[in-house]
N, C-alpha and C. Protein backbone atom coordinates (compact mmCIF):
# COMPACT_ATOMS: atom_id res chain seq x y z
N UNK A 1 55.54 138.27 52.05
CA UNK A 1 54.79 139.47 52.26
C UNK A 1 54.95 140.45 51.08
N UNK A 2 55.96 140.27 50.24
CA UNK A 2 56.19 141.19 49.15
C UNK A 2 55.14 141.07 48.04
N UNK A 3 54.46 139.93 47.96
CA UNK A 3 53.52 139.70 46.88
C UNK A 3 52.21 140.49 47.05
N UNK A 4 51.83 140.83 48.26
CA UNK A 4 50.59 141.54 48.51
C UNK A 4 50.82 142.73 49.46
N UNK A 5 51.60 143.70 49.05
CA UNK A 5 51.95 144.79 49.95
C UNK A 5 50.76 145.67 50.36
N UNK A 6 49.69 145.68 49.57
CA UNK A 6 48.54 146.53 49.88
C UNK A 6 47.42 145.79 50.59
N UNK A 7 47.62 144.52 50.91
CA UNK A 7 46.60 143.73 51.58
C UNK A 7 46.91 143.68 53.07
N UNK A 8 46.12 144.41 53.90
CA UNK A 8 46.40 144.47 55.33
C UNK A 8 46.17 143.12 56.03
N UNK A 9 45.49 142.20 55.39
CA UNK A 9 45.24 140.90 56.01
C UNK A 9 46.25 139.84 55.58
N UNK A 10 47.14 140.19 54.67
CA UNK A 10 48.13 139.22 54.19
C UNK A 10 49.01 138.75 55.34
N UNK A 11 49.08 137.44 55.52
CA UNK A 11 49.91 136.87 56.58
C UNK A 11 49.23 136.75 57.92
N UNK A 12 47.99 137.23 58.03
CA UNK A 12 47.26 137.16 59.30
C UNK A 12 46.27 135.98 59.20
N UNK A 13 46.44 134.99 60.05
CA UNK A 13 45.54 133.85 60.00
C UNK A 13 44.21 134.20 60.67
N UNK A 14 43.20 133.43 60.35
CA UNK A 14 41.90 133.62 60.97
C UNK A 14 41.98 133.38 62.47
N UNK A 15 42.77 132.40 62.87
CA UNK A 15 42.96 132.13 64.30
C UNK A 15 43.60 133.32 65.02
N UNK A 16 44.58 133.94 64.37
CA UNK A 16 45.24 135.10 64.97
C UNK A 16 44.25 136.27 65.09
N UNK A 17 43.39 136.44 64.08
CA UNK A 17 42.38 137.49 64.15
C UNK A 17 41.45 137.26 65.34
N UNK A 18 40.97 136.03 65.48
CA UNK A 18 40.07 135.72 66.59
C UNK A 18 40.75 135.93 67.93
N UNK A 19 41.96 135.47 68.08
CA UNK A 19 42.68 135.66 69.33
C UNK A 19 42.82 137.12 69.68
N UNK A 20 43.17 137.92 68.67
CA UNK A 20 43.32 139.37 68.85
C UNK A 20 41.98 140.00 69.27
N UNK A 21 40.91 139.66 68.56
CA UNK A 21 39.61 140.25 68.85
C UNK A 21 39.09 139.83 70.23
N UNK A 22 39.27 138.59 70.59
CA UNK A 22 38.84 138.13 71.92
C UNK A 22 39.60 138.88 73.00
N UNK A 23 40.89 139.05 72.82
CA UNK A 23 41.71 139.77 73.81
C UNK A 23 41.31 141.23 73.92
N UNK A 24 41.02 141.87 72.79
CA UNK A 24 40.70 143.31 72.79
C UNK A 24 39.25 143.61 73.12
N UNK A 25 38.32 142.81 72.55
CA UNK A 25 36.91 143.12 72.67
C UNK A 25 36.14 142.18 73.59
N UNK A 26 36.54 140.93 73.62
CA UNK A 26 35.78 139.93 74.38
C UNK A 26 34.65 139.37 73.52
N UNK A 27 34.18 138.19 73.90
CA UNK A 27 33.14 137.51 73.12
C UNK A 27 31.83 138.29 73.07
N UNK A 28 31.45 138.90 74.20
CA UNK A 28 30.17 139.61 74.25
C UNK A 28 30.11 140.75 73.22
N UNK A 29 31.14 141.57 73.22
CA UNK A 29 31.17 142.69 72.26
C UNK A 29 31.29 142.18 70.82
N UNK A 30 32.08 141.13 70.62
CA UNK A 30 32.19 140.56 69.28
C UNK A 30 30.81 140.08 68.80
N UNK A 31 30.03 139.50 69.70
CA UNK A 31 28.68 139.05 69.36
C UNK A 31 27.75 140.19 69.01
N UNK A 32 27.96 141.34 69.63
CA UNK A 32 27.15 142.53 69.28
C UNK A 32 27.58 143.09 67.93
N UNK A 33 28.87 143.07 67.67
CA UNK A 33 29.39 143.63 66.42
C UNK A 33 29.08 142.73 65.22
N UNK A 34 29.22 141.41 65.41
CA UNK A 34 28.95 140.43 64.35
C UNK A 34 28.00 139.41 64.95
N UNK A 35 26.73 139.52 64.63
CA UNK A 35 25.69 138.69 65.25
C UNK A 35 25.67 137.28 64.68
N UNK A 36 26.53 136.43 65.26
CA UNK A 36 26.55 135.02 64.88
C UNK A 36 26.58 134.20 66.16
N UNK A 37 25.93 133.05 66.15
CA UNK A 37 25.80 132.24 67.34
C UNK A 37 27.13 131.78 67.92
N UNK A 38 28.12 131.54 67.10
CA UNK A 38 29.39 131.03 67.64
C UNK A 38 30.07 132.09 68.50
N UNK A 39 29.63 133.35 68.46
CA UNK A 39 30.15 134.40 69.35
C UNK A 39 29.27 134.61 70.56
N UNK A 40 28.00 134.22 70.49
CA UNK A 40 27.06 134.54 71.56
C UNK A 40 26.62 133.33 72.37
N UNK A 41 26.71 132.13 71.83
CA UNK A 41 26.23 130.94 72.52
C UNK A 41 27.40 129.97 72.74
N UNK A 42 27.89 129.93 73.97
CA UNK A 42 29.03 129.10 74.35
C UNK A 42 30.21 129.29 73.37
N UNK A 43 30.73 130.51 73.29
CA UNK A 43 31.77 130.81 72.30
C UNK A 43 33.09 130.12 72.60
N UNK A 44 33.77 129.75 71.54
CA UNK A 44 35.14 129.23 71.64
C UNK A 44 35.81 129.51 70.32
N UNK A 45 37.12 129.56 70.36
CA UNK A 45 37.88 129.80 69.14
C UNK A 45 37.70 128.63 68.18
N UNK A 46 37.69 127.41 68.69
CA UNK A 46 37.56 126.24 67.84
C UNK A 46 36.24 126.23 67.07
N UNK A 47 35.13 126.45 67.76
CA UNK A 47 33.83 126.44 67.07
C UNK A 47 33.72 127.62 66.11
N UNK A 48 34.27 128.76 66.50
CA UNK A 48 34.22 129.93 65.63
C UNK A 48 35.03 129.71 64.35
N UNK A 49 36.20 129.10 64.49
CA UNK A 49 37.03 128.83 63.31
C UNK A 49 36.30 127.89 62.36
N UNK A 50 35.68 126.85 62.87
CA UNK A 50 34.95 125.90 62.02
C UNK A 50 33.85 126.63 61.24
N UNK A 51 33.09 127.46 61.94
CA UNK A 51 32.00 128.19 61.31
C UNK A 51 32.51 129.18 60.27
N UNK A 52 33.49 129.99 60.66
CA UNK A 52 33.97 131.06 59.79
C UNK A 52 34.65 130.53 58.54
N UNK A 53 35.25 129.37 58.63
CA UNK A 53 35.87 128.78 57.44
C UNK A 53 34.85 128.28 56.43
N UNK A 54 33.62 128.03 56.88
CA UNK A 54 32.58 127.52 56.00
C UNK A 54 31.64 128.62 55.48
N UNK A 55 31.62 129.78 56.15
CA UNK A 55 30.63 130.81 55.84
C UNK A 55 31.34 132.11 55.44
N UNK A 56 31.48 132.33 54.14
CA UNK A 56 32.25 133.49 53.66
C UNK A 56 31.73 134.85 54.14
N UNK A 57 30.42 135.05 54.22
CA UNK A 57 29.92 136.36 54.64
C UNK A 57 30.28 136.65 56.09
N UNK A 58 30.27 135.63 56.93
CA UNK A 58 30.62 135.81 58.34
C UNK A 58 32.11 136.11 58.49
N UNK A 59 32.92 135.38 57.71
CA UNK A 59 34.36 135.61 57.77
C UNK A 59 34.67 137.05 57.31
N UNK A 60 33.99 137.51 56.28
CA UNK A 60 34.22 138.88 55.80
C UNK A 60 33.89 139.90 56.88
N UNK A 61 32.81 139.65 57.63
CA UNK A 61 32.45 140.59 58.72
C UNK A 61 33.50 140.59 59.83
N UNK A 62 34.02 139.41 60.14
CA UNK A 62 35.06 139.31 61.17
C UNK A 62 36.33 139.99 60.69
N UNK A 63 36.68 139.82 59.44
CA UNK A 63 37.85 140.49 58.89
C UNK A 63 37.69 142.00 58.97
N UNK A 64 36.52 142.52 58.65
CA UNK A 64 36.27 143.97 58.73
C UNK A 64 36.34 144.45 60.18
N UNK A 65 35.80 143.67 61.11
CA UNK A 65 35.90 144.02 62.53
C UNK A 65 37.34 144.07 62.96
N UNK A 66 38.13 143.12 62.53
CA UNK A 66 39.56 143.08 62.85
C UNK A 66 40.26 144.33 62.33
N UNK A 67 39.99 144.69 61.08
CA UNK A 67 40.63 145.88 60.49
C UNK A 67 40.21 147.15 61.21
N UNK A 68 38.92 147.27 61.55
CA UNK A 68 38.45 148.45 62.29
C UNK A 68 39.10 148.54 63.66
N UNK A 69 39.21 147.42 64.34
CA UNK A 69 39.79 147.40 65.68
C UNK A 69 41.27 147.74 65.62
N UNK A 70 42.00 147.20 64.66
CA UNK A 70 43.41 147.52 64.49
C UNK A 70 43.60 149.01 64.17
N UNK A 71 42.72 149.54 63.36
CA UNK A 71 42.82 150.96 62.95
C UNK A 71 42.63 151.89 64.15
N UNK A 72 41.79 151.51 65.09
CA UNK A 72 41.56 152.33 66.28
C UNK A 72 42.78 152.40 67.17
N UNK A 73 43.63 151.40 67.10
CA UNK A 73 44.83 151.37 67.94
C UNK A 73 45.89 152.34 67.45
N UNK A 74 45.87 152.67 66.20
CA UNK A 74 46.92 153.52 65.62
C UNK A 74 46.72 154.96 65.94
């Protein structure tokens, strides 16, 4: 963690982000916030991970949603 002290996503896996977002927001709200089919049509962590690992713009949106959601908790 010392190598990237200013990166709030350092050490947070994509799976951990999804688990956190599903627990806090639920799939329906996540689908409204980030309009992608893996959140709105039969959502699952497995299918979402496969999609987000292949599509950089979608992953970036999920990362931003994660950061916004974490910031609201503070």
